[in-house]
Amino acid sequence: MADFEVGDHFDEGETLVQLDPTLAEIQLRLNEAELSIAREEMAETKRLYDEAVKLGDSGLARSTRLSLKNDFEQAKIGVERAEAVVHAIRERIRRHEIVAPFAGVVGEKMTEVGEGVETGSPVATFVGDDLRLEVRVPQERIEDALSTESVQ
């Protein structure tokens, strides 16, 4: 989970945390299979409807053609719905990786490797490289402050 320590530096876009996507990947495979079935069903209902249209009034009752058309429309909606579910799961898997939003260092670590996290839970604070600190120094301590070349 959080394989970093306070003070570790990361460049913008570098992976901070990689969450375990196993369950989401299993769900994706299941939903991709359902999408495949929905596409096959849609193709079959379209084939049946197209045949009914070719036959026209001579071969099938109007109500049967309308029923086949409705079946095709419902199958089409089923495919669109299954595609949306697959897209949402892929997006969820993509979000299993947390990247540095900018170059900086880890200021505080809020999780450990193997620890579960909820959506929206913070895993760390991240401080940019260009952080500037303004400090007021009493006049009697100014020489001490000026003698220090850098702050760590």
N, C-alpha and C. Protein backbone atom coordinates (compact mmCIF):
# COMPACT_ATOMS: atom_id res chain seq x y z
N MET A 1 0.84 -1.19 0.00
CA MET A 1 0.00 0.00 0.00
C MET A 1 0.88 1.23 0.00
N ALA A 2 1.31 1.71 1.13
CA ALA A 2 2.08 2.95 1.20
C ALA A 2 3.55 2.62 1.40
N ASP A 3 4.25 2.32 0.31
CA ASP A 3 5.65 1.92 0.40
C ASP A 3 6.55 3.14 0.23
N PHE A 4 6.40 4.09 1.13
CA PHE A 4 7.21 5.31 1.13
C PHE A 4 7.35 5.76 2.57
N GLU A 5 8.26 6.68 2.79
CA GLU A 5 8.49 7.19 4.13
C GLU A 5 8.43 8.71 4.11
N VAL A 6 8.23 9.29 5.28
CA VAL A 6 8.24 10.75 5.41
C VAL A 6 9.60 11.23 4.92
N GLY A 7 9.57 12.26 4.09
CA GLY A 7 10.80 12.83 3.55
C GLY A 7 11.18 12.29 2.18
N ASP A 8 10.54 11.19 1.73
CA ASP A 8 10.83 10.67 0.39
C ASP A 8 10.41 11.69 -0.66
N HIS A 9 11.22 11.84 -1.69
CA HIS A 9 10.94 12.78 -2.77
C HIS A 9 10.31 12.05 -3.96
N PHE A 10 9.33 12.69 -4.58
CA PHE A 10 8.68 12.16 -5.77
C PHE A 10 8.58 13.26 -6.81
N ASP A 11 8.79 12.87 -8.07
CA ASP A 11 8.59 13.81 -9.17
C ASP A 11 7.11 13.82 -9.54
N GLU A 12 6.67 14.88 -10.20
CA GLU A 12 5.27 14.98 -10.63
C GLU A 12 4.92 13.78 -11.50
N GLY A 13 3.79 13.13 -11.20
CA GLY A 13 3.32 11.97 -11.96
C GLY A 13 3.88 10.64 -11.51
N GLU A 14 4.86 10.65 -10.63
CA GLU A 14 5.46 9.41 -10.14
C GLU A 14 4.48 8.72 -9.19
N THR A 15 4.45 7.40 -9.24
CA THR A 15 3.52 6.63 -8.41
C THR A 15 3.91 6.71 -6.94
N LEU A 16 2.97 7.18 -6.12
CA LEU A 16 3.14 7.20 -4.66
C LEU A 16 2.64 5.89 -4.07
N VAL A 17 1.46 5.48 -4.53
CA VAL A 17 0.77 4.33 -3.95
C VAL A 17 0.11 3.53 -5.06
N GLN A 18 0.27 2.22 -5.00
CA GLN A 18 -0.42 1.32 -5.92
C GLN A 18 -1.32 0.41 -5.08
N LEU A 19 -2.62 0.63 -5.18
CA LEU A 19 -3.57 -0.19 -4.44
C LEU A 19 -3.76 -1.52 -5.15
N ASP A 20 -4.15 -2.54 -4.43
CA ASP A 20 -4.35 -3.87 -5.01
C ASP A 20 -5.64 -3.88 -5.83
N PRO A 21 -5.53 -4.06 -7.15
CA PRO A 21 -6.72 -4.02 -8.01
C PRO A 21 -7.36 -5.39 -8.25
N THR A 22 -6.94 -6.43 -7.55
CA THR A 22 -7.36 -7.80 -7.84
C THR A 22 -8.88 -7.96 -7.90
N LEU A 23 -9.59 -7.49 -6.89
CA LEU A 23 -11.04 -7.66 -6.88
C LEU A 23 -11.71 -6.91 -8.03
N ALA A 24 -11.24 -5.71 -8.30
CA ALA A 24 -11.80 -4.93 -9.41
C ALA A 24 -11.50 -5.61 -10.75
N GLU A 25 -10.32 -6.21 -10.89
CA GLU A 25 -9.97 -6.90 -12.13
C GLU A 25 -10.85 -8.13 -12.34
N ILE A 26 -11.18 -8.84 -11.27
CA ILE A 26 -12.09 -9.99 -11.36
C ILE A 26 -13.47 -9.50 -11.79
N GLN A 27 -13.92 -8.43 -11.17
CA GLN A 27 -15.21 -7.85 -11.53
C GLN A 27 -15.22 -7.40 -12.99
N LEU A 28 -14.11 -6.86 -13.46
CA LEU A 28 -14.01 -6.43 -14.85
C LEU A 28 -14.15 -7.63 -15.79
N ARG A 29 -13.46 -8.72 -15.49
CA ARG A 29 -13.56 -9.91 -16.36
C ARG A 29 -14.99 -10.44 -16.41
N LEU A 30 -15.66 -10.46 -15.26
CA LEU A 30 -17.05 -10.92 -15.24
C LEU A 30 -17.95 -10.02 -16.08
N ASN A 31 -17.77 -8.72 -15.96
CA ASN A 31 -18.60 -7.78 -16.70
C ASN A 31 -18.25 -7.74 -18.18
N GLU A 32 -17.00 -8.00 -18.54
CA GLU A 32 -16.65 -8.10 -19.95
C GLU A 32 -17.32 -9.33 -20.58
N ALA A 33 -17.43 -10.41 -19.81
CA ALA A 33 -18.13 -11.61 -20.30
C ALA A 33 -19.62 -11.30 -20.49
N GLU A 34 -20.21 -10.58 -19.53
CA GLU A 34 -21.61 -10.19 -19.66
C GLU A 34 -21.82 -9.27 -20.86
N LEU A 35 -20.88 -8.39 -21.12
CA LEU A 35 -20.96 -7.51 -22.28
C LEU A 35 -20.91 -8.33 -23.57
N SER A 36 -20.05 -9.31 -23.62
CA SER A 36 -19.95 -10.18 -24.80
C SER A 36 -21.28 -10.90 -25.05
N ILE A 37 -21.88 -11.42 -24.00
CA ILE A 37 -23.18 -12.10 -24.13
C ILE A 37 -24.25 -11.12 -24.59
N ALA A 38 -24.24 -9.92 -24.02
CA ALA A 38 -25.23 -8.90 -24.41
C ALA A 38 -25.08 -8.53 -25.88
N ARG A 39 -23.85 -8.45 -26.37
CA ARG A 39 -23.62 -8.14 -27.80
C ARG A 39 -24.13 -9.26 -28.69
N GLU A 40 -23.91 -10.50 -28.28
CA GLU A 40 -24.41 -11.64 -29.05
C GLU A 40 -25.93 -11.64 -29.09
N GLU A 41 -26.56 -11.37 -27.95
CA GLU A 41 -28.03 -11.31 -27.89
C GLU A 41 -28.56 -10.19 -28.77
N MET A 42 -27.88 -9.04 -28.76
CA MET A 42 -28.32 -7.93 -29.59
C MET A 42 -28.21 -8.29 -31.07
N ALA A 43 -27.10 -8.94 -31.46
CA ALA A 43 -26.93 -9.33 -32.86
C ALA A 43 -28.03 -10.30 -33.29
N GLU A 44 -28.38 -11.23 -32.42
CA GLU A 44 -29.43 -12.20 -32.76
C GLU A 44 -30.80 -11.53 -32.86
N THR A 45 -31.11 -10.64 -31.91
CA THR A 45 -32.42 -9.96 -31.99
C THR A 45 -32.48 -9.05 -33.20
N LYS A 46 -31.37 -8.46 -33.60
CA LYS A 46 -31.35 -7.63 -34.80
C LYS A 46 -31.57 -8.49 -36.03
N ARG A 47 -30.92 -9.63 -36.08
CA ARG A 47 -31.09 -10.55 -37.21
C ARG A 47 -32.56 -10.96 -37.35
N LEU A 48 -33.19 -11.33 -36.23
CA LEU A 48 -34.59 -11.73 -36.27
C LEU A 48 -35.50 -10.57 -36.70
N TYR A 49 -35.22 -9.40 -36.20
CA TYR A 49 -36.02 -8.23 -36.57
C TYR A 49 -35.84 -7.89 -38.05
N ASP A 50 -34.60 -7.92 -38.54
CA ASP A 50 -34.35 -7.64 -39.97
C ASP A 50 -35.07 -8.64 -40.86
N GLU A 51 -35.08 -9.92 -40.47
CA GLU A 51 -35.82 -10.93 -41.25
C GLU A 51 -37.31 -10.62 -41.25
N ALA A 52 -37.83 -10.21 -40.11
CA ALA A 52 -39.25 -9.88 -40.02
C ALA A 52 -39.59 -8.69 -40.91
N VAL A 53 -38.72 -7.72 -40.97
CA VAL A 53 -38.94 -6.55 -41.82
C VAL A 53 -38.95 -6.96 -43.29
N LYS A 54 -38.04 -7.86 -43.67
CA LYS A 54 -37.98 -8.34 -45.06
C LYS A 54 -39.25 -9.08 -45.45
N LEU A 55 -39.79 -9.85 -44.51
CA LEU A 55 -41.01 -10.60 -44.79
C LEU A 55 -42.21 -9.68 -44.96
N GLY A 56 -42.17 -8.58 -44.24
CA GLY A 56 -43.26 -7.61 -44.33
C GLY A 56 -44.58 -8.19 -43.85
N ASP A 57 -45.67 -7.62 -44.35
CA ASP A 57 -47.01 -8.04 -43.92
C ASP A 57 -47.36 -9.44 -44.39
N SER A 58 -46.67 -9.93 -45.43
CA SER A 58 -47.02 -11.25 -45.96
C SER A 58 -46.60 -12.39 -45.05
N GLY A 59 -45.54 -12.22 -44.32
CA GLY A 59 -45.02 -13.34 -43.54
C GLY A 59 -45.30 -13.29 -42.06
N LEU A 60 -45.38 -12.10 -41.47
CA LEU A 60 -45.55 -11.99 -40.03
C LEU A 60 -46.58 -10.91 -39.70
N ALA A 61 -47.23 -11.11 -38.59
CA ALA A 61 -48.18 -10.10 -38.13
C ALA A 61 -47.41 -8.86 -37.69
N ARG A 62 -48.04 -7.73 -37.84
CA ARG A 62 -47.43 -6.45 -37.44
C ARG A 62 -47.01 -6.48 -35.96
N SER A 63 -47.84 -7.07 -35.13
CA SER A 63 -47.53 -7.13 -33.69
C SER A 63 -46.27 -7.94 -33.42
N THR A 64 -46.03 -8.97 -34.23
CA THR A 64 -44.81 -9.77 -34.07
C THR A 64 -43.58 -8.95 -34.44
N ARG A 65 -43.69 -8.19 -35.55
CA ARG A 65 -42.57 -7.33 -35.95
C ARG A 65 -42.29 -6.28 -34.88
N LEU A 66 -43.35 -5.69 -34.34
CA LEU A 66 -43.17 -4.69 -33.28
C LEU A 66 -42.53 -5.31 -32.04
N SER A 67 -42.91 -6.52 -31.72
CA SER A 67 -42.33 -7.22 -30.58
C SER A 67 -40.85 -7.49 -30.81
N LEU A 68 -40.51 -7.91 -32.04
CA LEU A 68 -39.09 -8.16 -32.36
C LEU A 68 -38.29 -6.86 -32.34
N LYS A 69 -38.91 -5.77 -32.81
CA LYS A 69 -38.24 -4.48 -32.77
C LYS A 69 -37.98 -4.07 -31.31
N ASN A 70 -38.97 -4.26 -30.45
CA ASN A 70 -38.83 -3.95 -29.03
C ASN A 70 -37.72 -4.80 -28.40
N ASP A 71 -37.68 -6.09 -28.76
CA ASP A 71 -36.62 -6.98 -28.24
C ASP A 71 -35.24 -6.45 -28.64
N PHE A 72 -35.12 -6.02 -29.91
CA PHE A 72 -33.84 -5.48 -30.39
C PHE A 72 -33.47 -4.21 -29.63
N GLU A 73 -34.43 -3.30 -29.45
CA GLU A 73 -34.16 -2.05 -28.72
C GLU A 73 -33.73 -2.34 -27.28
N GLN A 74 -34.39 -3.29 -26.65
CA GLN A 74 -34.02 -3.67 -25.28
C GLN A 74 -32.62 -4.28 -25.24
N ALA A 75 -32.29 -5.10 -26.22
CA ALA A 75 -30.96 -5.69 -26.28
C ALA A 75 -29.89 -4.61 -26.48
N LYS A 76 -30.21 -3.61 -27.31
CA LYS A 76 -29.28 -2.50 -27.53
C LYS A 76 -29.03 -1.74 -26.23
N ILE A 77 -30.09 -1.51 -25.47
CA ILE A 77 -29.95 -0.83 -24.17
C ILE A 77 -29.11 -1.68 -23.23
N GLY A 78 -29.30 -2.99 -23.28
CA GLY A 78 -28.51 -3.90 -22.45
C GLY A 78 -27.02 -3.81 -22.77
N VAL A 79 -26.69 -3.70 -24.06
CA VAL A 79 -25.29 -3.57 -24.46
C VAL A 79 -24.73 -2.24 -23.96
N GLU A 80 -25.48 -1.16 -24.13
CA GLU A 80 -25.02 0.16 -23.68
C GLU A 80 -24.78 0.16 -22.17
N ARG A 81 -25.67 -0.48 -21.46
CA ARG A 81 -25.52 -0.55 -20.00
C ARG A 81 -24.29 -1.36 -19.61
N ALA A 82 -24.08 -2.50 -20.27
CA ALA A 82 -22.92 -3.34 -19.97
C ALA A 82 -21.63 -2.62 -20.33
N GLU A 83 -21.62 -1.86 -21.43
CA GLU A 83 -20.45 -1.07 -21.81
C GLU A 83 -20.14 -0.02 -20.74
N ALA A 84 -21.18 0.61 -20.22
CA ALA A 84 -20.98 1.64 -19.19
C ALA A 84 -20.40 1.01 -17.92
N VAL A 85 -20.86 -0.16 -17.54
CA VAL A 85 -20.34 -0.83 -16.35
C VAL A 85 -18.87 -1.18 -16.54
N VAL A 86 -18.53 -1.72 -17.71
CA VAL A 86 -17.13 -2.07 -18.00
C VAL A 86 -16.26 -0.81 -17.96
N HIS A 87 -16.73 0.27 -18.55
CA HIS A 87 -15.99 1.53 -18.54
C HIS A 87 -15.77 2.01 -17.10
N ALA A 88 -16.81 1.94 -16.27
CA ALA A 88 -16.69 2.39 -14.87
C ALA A 88 -15.68 1.55 -14.09
N ILE A 89 -15.67 0.26 -14.33
CA ILE A 89 -14.73 -0.62 -13.62
C ILE A 89 -13.30 -0.32 -14.08
N ARG A 90 -13.11 -0.12 -15.38
CA ARG A 90 -11.77 0.23 -15.87
C ARG A 90 -11.28 1.53 -15.24
N GLU A 91 -12.18 2.48 -15.11
CA GLU A 91 -11.82 3.76 -14.48
C GLU A 91 -11.46 3.54 -13.01
N ARG A 92 -12.21 2.67 -12.33
CA ARG A 92 -11.91 2.37 -10.92
C ARG A 92 -10.53 1.72 -10.80
N ILE A 93 -10.20 0.83 -11.72
CA ILE A 93 -8.87 0.20 -11.70
C ILE A 93 -7.79 1.24 -11.94
N ARG A 94 -8.04 2.15 -12.88
CA ARG A 94 -7.07 3.21 -13.16
C ARG A 94 -6.82 4.04 -11.90
N ARG A 95 -7.83 4.21 -11.10
CA ARG A 95 -7.70 5.02 -9.89
C ARG A 95 -7.08 4.26 -8.72
N HIS A 96 -6.66 3.03 -8.96
CA HIS A 96 -5.96 2.27 -7.91
C HIS A 96 -4.51 2.72 -7.78
N GLU A 97 -4.11 3.63 -8.64
CA GLU A 97 -2.76 4.18 -8.57
C GLU A 97 -2.86 5.66 -8.19
N ILE A 98 -2.13 6.02 -7.15
CA ILE A 98 -2.11 7.42 -6.71
C ILE A 98 -0.75 7.98 -7.10
N VAL A 99 -0.76 9.07 -7.86
CA VAL A 99 0.49 9.66 -8.33
C VAL A 99 0.72 11.02 -7.68
N ALA A 100 1.97 11.42 -7.66
CA ALA A 100 2.33 12.72 -7.11
C ALA A 100 1.73 13.82 -8.00
N PRO A 101 0.96 14.71 -7.43
CA PRO A 101 0.32 15.77 -8.23
C PRO A 101 1.32 16.83 -8.68
N PHE A 102 2.46 16.88 -8.01
CA PHE A 102 3.52 17.83 -8.33
C PHE A 102 4.79 17.30 -7.68
N ALA A 103 5.94 17.85 -8.03
CA ALA A 103 7.20 17.42 -7.42
C ALA A 103 7.22 17.86 -5.96
N GLY A 104 7.61 16.96 -5.08
CA GLY A 104 7.64 17.30 -3.67
C GLY A 104 8.05 16.13 -2.80
N VAL A 105 7.82 16.29 -1.50
CA VAL A 105 8.20 15.27 -0.53
C VAL A 105 7.00 14.88 0.32
N VAL A 106 7.08 13.68 0.86
CA VAL A 106 6.04 13.20 1.77
C VAL A 106 6.23 13.92 3.10
N GLY A 107 5.20 14.63 3.54
CA GLY A 107 5.26 15.35 4.80
C GLY A 107 4.77 14.52 5.97
N GLU A 108 3.77 13.67 5.71
CA GLU A 108 3.21 12.83 6.76
C GLU A 108 2.67 11.56 6.12
N LYS A 109 2.95 10.42 6.72
CA LYS A 109 2.48 9.13 6.23
C LYS A 109 1.31 8.69 7.10
N MET A 110 0.17 8.40 6.49
CA MET A 110 -1.03 8.08 7.25
C MET A 110 -1.47 6.63 7.12
N THR A 111 -0.73 5.82 6.35
CA THR A 111 -1.07 4.41 6.17
C THR A 111 0.21 3.58 6.12
N GLU A 112 0.03 2.28 6.20
CA GLU A 112 1.16 1.35 6.12
C GLU A 112 0.88 0.33 5.02
N VAL A 113 1.92 -0.32 4.53
CA VAL A 113 1.78 -1.36 3.52
C VAL A 113 0.83 -2.43 4.04
N GLY A 114 -0.13 -2.82 3.20
CA GLY A 114 -1.09 -3.85 3.57
C GLY A 114 -2.32 -3.34 4.28
N GLU A 115 -2.31 -2.10 4.68
CA GLU A 115 -3.45 -1.51 5.38
C GLU A 115 -4.54 -1.15 4.38
N GLY A 116 -5.79 -1.44 4.71
CA GLY A 116 -6.90 -1.07 3.84
C GLY A 116 -7.23 0.41 3.96
N VAL A 117 -7.69 0.98 2.88
CA VAL A 117 -8.12 2.38 2.88
C VAL A 117 -9.47 2.49 2.20
N GLU A 118 -10.25 3.45 2.64
CA GLU A 118 -11.54 3.73 2.04
C GLU A 118 -11.38 4.80 0.98
N THR A 119 -12.30 4.84 0.04
CA THR A 119 -12.30 5.89 -0.97
C THR A 119 -12.34 7.25 -0.30
N GLY A 120 -11.44 8.12 -0.71
CA GLY A 120 -11.39 9.47 -0.16
C GLY A 120 -10.56 9.61 1.10
N SER A 121 -10.07 8.49 1.65
CA SER A 121 -9.24 8.57 2.85
C SER A 121 -7.85 9.06 2.48
N PRO A 122 -7.28 9.98 3.27
CA PRO A 122 -5.93 10.44 2.97
C PRO A 122 -4.92 9.35 3.28
N VAL A 123 -3.88 9.24 2.45
CA VAL A 123 -2.82 8.27 2.69
C VAL A 123 -1.52 8.97 3.09
N ALA A 124 -1.41 10.26 2.74
CA ALA A 124 -0.21 11.02 3.08
C ALA A 124 -0.47 12.49 2.83
N THR A 125 0.36 13.32 3.45
CA THR A 125 0.39 14.72 3.05
C THR A 125 1.61 14.87 2.17
N PHE A 126 1.50 15.75 1.21
CA PHE A 126 2.55 15.91 0.22
C PHE A 126 2.87 17.39 0.12
N VAL A 127 4.16 17.72 0.23
CA VAL A 127 4.60 19.12 0.26
C VAL A 127 5.44 19.38 -0.98
N GLY A 128 5.12 20.44 -1.70
CA GLY A 128 5.84 20.79 -2.91
C GLY A 128 7.27 21.21 -2.65
N ASP A 129 8.10 21.00 -3.69
CA ASP A 129 9.52 21.38 -3.60
C ASP A 129 9.71 22.87 -3.41
N ASP A 130 8.77 23.65 -3.87
CA ASP A 130 8.95 25.10 -3.83
C ASP A 130 8.36 25.73 -2.56
N LEU A 131 8.29 24.95 -1.52
CA LEU A 131 7.76 25.45 -0.25
C LEU A 131 8.68 26.53 0.31
N ARG A 132 8.11 27.62 0.69
CA ARG A 132 8.86 28.71 1.31
C ARG A 132 8.30 28.92 2.71
N LEU A 133 9.17 29.23 3.63
CA LEU A 133 8.78 29.41 5.01
C LEU A 133 9.20 30.81 5.46
N GLU A 134 8.25 31.54 5.97
CA GLU A 134 8.54 32.87 6.49
C GLU A 134 8.54 32.77 8.01
N VAL A 135 9.66 33.16 8.59
CA VAL A 135 9.82 33.03 10.04
C VAL A 135 10.18 34.40 10.61
N ARG A 136 9.53 34.76 11.67
CA ARG A 136 9.87 36.01 12.37
C ARG A 136 10.86 35.67 13.49
N VAL A 137 11.97 36.38 13.47
CA VAL A 137 13.03 36.13 14.45
C VAL A 137 13.14 37.37 15.33
N PRO A 138 13.10 37.17 16.65
CA PRO A 138 13.29 38.33 17.54
C PRO A 138 14.66 38.95 17.29
N GLN A 139 14.74 40.24 17.48
CA GLN A 139 15.97 40.97 17.19
C GLN A 139 17.16 40.42 17.97
N GLU A 140 16.96 40.00 19.21
CA GLU A 140 18.06 39.51 20.01
C GLU A 140 18.58 38.14 19.50
N ARG A 141 17.82 37.44 18.60
CA ARG A 141 18.24 36.13 18.08
C ARG A 141 18.67 36.21 16.62
N ILE A 142 18.72 37.42 16.06
CA ILE A 142 19.01 37.58 14.64
C ILE A 142 20.38 37.04 14.26
N GLU A 143 21.39 37.22 15.12
CA GLU A 143 22.72 36.72 14.81
C GLU A 143 22.73 35.20 14.75
N ASP A 144 21.97 34.54 15.64
CA ASP A 144 21.88 33.08 15.60
C ASP A 144 21.25 32.63 14.28
N ALA A 145 20.20 33.32 13.88
CA ALA A 145 19.51 32.95 12.64
C ALA A 145 20.40 33.18 11.42
N LEU A 146 21.18 34.24 11.41
CA LEU A 146 22.03 34.54 10.26
C LEU A 146 23.23 33.62 10.19
N SER A 147 23.64 33.06 11.29
CA SER A 147 24.81 32.18 11.29
C SER A 147 24.48 30.79 10.74
N THR A 148 23.21 30.43 10.68
CA THR A 148 22.80 29.14 10.12
C THR A 148 22.65 29.29 8.61
N GLU A 149 23.37 28.47 7.85
CA GLU A 149 23.34 28.60 6.41
C GLU A 149 22.12 27.92 5.78
N SER A 150 21.65 26.85 6.37
CA SER A 150 20.49 26.17 5.79
C SER A 150 19.67 25.51 6.89
N VAL A 151 18.46 25.28 6.58
CA VAL A 151 17.55 24.62 7.51
C VAL A 151 17.24 23.25 6.97
N GLN A 152 17.31 22.24 7.80
CA GLN A 152 17.03 20.86 7.37
C GLN A 152 15.75 20.37 7.96
